[in-house]
Amino acid sequence: MKELARNIGVWVMLIGVAILVIPFLTGATNNTNLIIGLILVVEGLLGHIYVNNMKKGSMVSNIIWAIILLIVPYAIFFISKRMAYSEEEIAAYN
C-alpha cells in the first residue's frame, strides 16, 4: 500500500493518458476528452511532486500546495485569456 501511495501521481497521469489515447484509437476525439486528459496529466505530475517531496513542510506550505493542486486548471485558462486579449478588449465587453 505504501508503494501505491508513493506512486499515486503516476497512476493519475496514466489515467489521463488513457483518456487521451482511447478516444484517439477509436476516432472519437473531442475537446472534452482532451481537456480532461490534460487536467489529469498535469494534476498527476504536480501531485507526484507533492507526495514525493521529502521535506516536512509547514502549515503555510501545505496550504500553498493545496491551492496549487486545486487551481491549476483555472490558472492555465486565466493566463491563456490574458495572452489572447488585451485589457482594452476585455474592458469593451464589461
C-alpha atoms as a PDB file:
ATOM      1  CA  MET A   1       0.000   0.000   0.000  1.00  0.00           C
ATOM      2  CA  LYS A   2       2.917   2.309   0.698  1.00  0.00           C
ATOM      3  CA  GLU A   3       4.158   1.949  -2.903  1.00  0.00           C
ATOM      4  CA  LEU A   4       0.702   2.805  -4.231  1.00  0.00           C
ATOM      5  CA  ALA A   5       0.658   5.953  -2.082  1.00  0.00           C
ATOM      6  CA  ARG A   6       4.099   6.957  -3.351  1.00  0.00           C
ATOM      7  CA  ASN A   7       3.084   6.456  -6.969  1.00  0.00           C
ATOM      8  CA  ILE A   8      -0.457   7.852  -6.883  1.00  0.00           C
ATOM      9  CA  GLY A   9       0.592  10.791  -9.058  1.00  0.00           C
ATOM     10  CA  VAL A  10       1.912   8.406 -11.708  1.00  0.00           C
ATOM     11  CA  TRP A  11      -1.360   6.470 -11.653  1.00  0.00           C
ATOM     12  CA  VAL A  12      -3.364   9.672 -12.117  1.00  0.00           C
ATOM     13  CA  MET A  13      -1.116  10.602 -15.058  1.00  0.00           C
ATOM     14  CA  LEU A  14      -1.609   7.139 -16.610  1.00  0.00           C
ATOM     15  CA  ILE A  15      -5.386   7.510 -16.302  1.00  0.00           C
ATOM     16  CA  GLY A  16      -5.088  10.884 -18.049  1.00  0.00           C
ATOM     17  CA  VAL A  17      -3.007   9.330 -20.825  1.00  0.00           C
ATOM     18  CA  ALA A  18      -5.582   6.535 -21.213  1.00  0.00           C
ATOM     19  CA  ILE A  19      -8.321   9.172 -21.553  1.00  0.00           C
ATOM     20  CA  LEU A  20      -6.240  10.754 -24.323  1.00  0.00           C
ATOM     21  CA  VAL A  21      -5.276   7.524 -26.132  1.00  0.00           C
ATOM     22  CA  ILE A  22      -8.522   5.518 -26.144  1.00  0.00           C
ATOM     23  CA  PRO A  23     -10.621   8.134 -27.997  1.00  0.00           C
ATOM     24  CA  PHE A  24      -7.737   8.668 -30.428  1.00  0.00           C
ATOM     25  CA  LEU A  25      -7.643   4.971 -31.287  1.00  0.00           C
ATOM     26  CA  THR A  26     -11.422   4.791 -31.685  1.00  0.00           C
ATOM     27  CA  GLY A  27     -11.568   8.007 -33.735  1.00  0.00           C
ATOM     28  CA  ALA A  28     -13.869   9.807 -31.317  1.00  0.00           C
ATOM     29  CA  THR A  29     -11.576  12.602 -30.171  1.00  0.00           C
ATOM     30  CA  ASN A  30     -13.267  15.776 -28.969  1.00  0.00           C
ATOM     31  CA  ASN A  31     -12.293  18.757 -26.845  1.00  0.00           C
ATOM     32  CA  THR A  32     -13.818  17.337 -23.671  1.00  0.00           C
ATOM     33  CA  ASN A  33     -11.570  14.274 -23.777  1.00  0.00           C
ATOM     34  CA  LEU A  34      -8.534  16.431 -24.446  1.00  0.00           C
ATOM     35  CA  ILE A  35      -9.263  18.834 -21.579  1.00  0.00           C
ATOM     36  CA  ILE A  36      -9.967  16.075 -19.056  1.00  0.00           C
ATOM     37  CA  GLY A  37      -6.851  14.162 -20.102  1.00  0.00           C
ATOM     38  CA  LEU A  38      -4.684  17.285 -19.876  1.00  0.00           C
ATOM     39  CA  ILE A  39      -6.022  18.182 -16.427  1.00  0.00           C
ATOM     40  CA  LEU A  40      -5.375  14.679 -15.127  1.00  0.00           C
ATOM     41  CA  VAL A  41      -1.844  14.581 -16.525  1.00  0.00           C
ATOM     42  CA  VAL A  42      -0.955  17.993 -15.053  1.00  0.00           C
ATOM     43  CA  GLU A  43      -2.594  17.240 -11.697  1.00  0.00           C
ATOM     44  CA  GLY A  44      -0.841  13.861 -11.589  1.00  0.00           C
ATOM     45  CA  LEU A  45       2.528  15.484 -12.211  1.00  0.00           C
ATOM     46  CA  LEU A  46       2.010  18.102  -9.501  1.00  0.00           C
ATOM     47  CA  GLY A  47       0.591  15.501  -7.132  1.00  0.00           C
ATOM     48  CA  HIS A  48       3.599  13.255  -7.688  1.00  0.00           C
ATOM     49  CA  ILE A  49       5.945  16.137  -6.887  1.00  0.00           C
ATOM     50  CA  TYR A  50       3.949  16.974  -3.754  1.00  0.00           C
ATOM     51  CA  VAL A  51       3.762  13.407  -2.483  1.00  0.00           C
ATOM     52  CA  ASN A  52       7.428  12.651  -3.079  1.00  0.00           C
ATOM     53  CA  ASN A  53       8.723  15.919  -1.632  1.00  0.00           C
ATOM     54  CA  MET A  54      10.644  14.673   1.387  1.00  0.00           C
ATOM     55  CA  LYS A  55      10.569  17.960   3.286  1.00  0.00           C
ATOM     56  CA  LYS A  56       8.148  18.009   6.186  1.00  0.00           C
ATOM     57  CA  GLY A  57       6.640  21.357   5.248  1.00  0.00           C
ATOM     58  CA  SER A  58       4.868  23.912   7.368  1.00  0.00           C
ATOM     59  CA  MET A  59       1.185  24.692   7.528  1.00  0.00           C
ATOM     60  CA  VAL A  60       1.671  27.562   5.064  1.00  0.00           C
ATOM     61  CA  SER A  61       3.460  25.387   2.510  1.00  0.00           C
ATOM     62  CA  ASN A  62       0.742  22.737   2.780  1.00  0.00           C
ATOM     63  CA  ILE A  63      -1.925  25.386   2.159  1.00  0.00           C
ATOM     64  CA  ILE A  64       0.026  26.664  -0.843  1.00  0.00           C
ATOM     65  CA  TRP A  65       0.294  23.146  -2.281  1.00  0.00           C
ATOM     66  CA  ALA A  66      -3.436  22.595  -1.741  1.00  0.00           C
ATOM     67  CA  ILE A  67      -4.226  25.796  -3.602  1.00  0.00           C
ATOM     68  CA  ILE A  68      -1.842  24.874  -6.440  1.00  0.00           C
ATOM     69  CA  LEU A  69      -3.299  21.405  -6.826  1.00  0.00           C
ATOM     70  CA  LEU A  70      -6.874  22.718  -6.952  1.00  0.00           C
ATOM     71  CA  ILE A  71      -6.460  25.881  -9.023  1.00  0.00           C
ATOM     72  CA  VAL A  72      -4.028  24.786 -11.744  1.00  0.00           C
ATOM     73  CA  PRO A  73      -6.699  24.339 -14.457  1.00  0.00           C
ATOM     74  CA  TYR A  74      -8.142  27.770 -13.660  1.00  0.00           C
ATOM     75  CA  ALA A  75      -4.700  29.351 -13.796  1.00  0.00           C
ATOM     76  CA  ILE A  76      -3.998  27.831 -17.198  1.00  0.00           C
ATOM     77  CA  PHE A  77      -7.185  29.318 -18.626  1.00  0.00           C
ATOM     78  CA  PHE A  78      -6.656  32.655 -16.862  1.00  0.00           C
ATOM     79  CA  ILE A  79      -3.159  33.032 -18.312  1.00  0.00           C
ATOM     80  CA  SER A  80      -4.393  31.989 -21.766  1.00  0.00           C
ATOM     81  CA  LYS A  81      -7.126  34.611 -21.576  1.00  0.00           C
ATOM     82  CA  ARG A  82      -4.616  37.295 -20.596  1.00  0.00           C
ATOM     83  CA  MET A  83      -2.400  36.357 -23.538  1.00  0.00           C
ATOM     84  CA  ALA A  84      -5.304  36.197 -26.001  1.00  0.00           C
ATOM     85  CA  TYR A  85      -6.989  39.537 -25.223  1.00  0.00           C
ATOM     86  CA  SER A  86      -5.689  42.973 -24.330  1.00  0.00           C
ATOM     87  CA  GLU A  87      -7.026  44.987 -21.402  1.00  0.00           C
ATOM     88  CA  GLU A  88      -8.919  47.273 -23.790  1.00  0.00           C
ATOM     89  CA  GLU A  89     -10.713  44.341 -25.457  1.00  0.00           C
ATOM     90  CA  ILE A  90     -11.747  42.937 -22.089  1.00  0.00           C
ATOM     91  CA  ALA A  91     -12.900  46.370 -20.873  1.00  0.00           C
ATOM     92  CA  ALA A  92     -15.035  46.807 -24.028  1.00  0.00           C
ATOM     93  CA  TYR A  93     -17.188  43.802 -23.042  1.00  0.00           C
ATOM     94  CA  ASN A  94     -17.522  44.720 -19.356  1.00  0.00           C
END
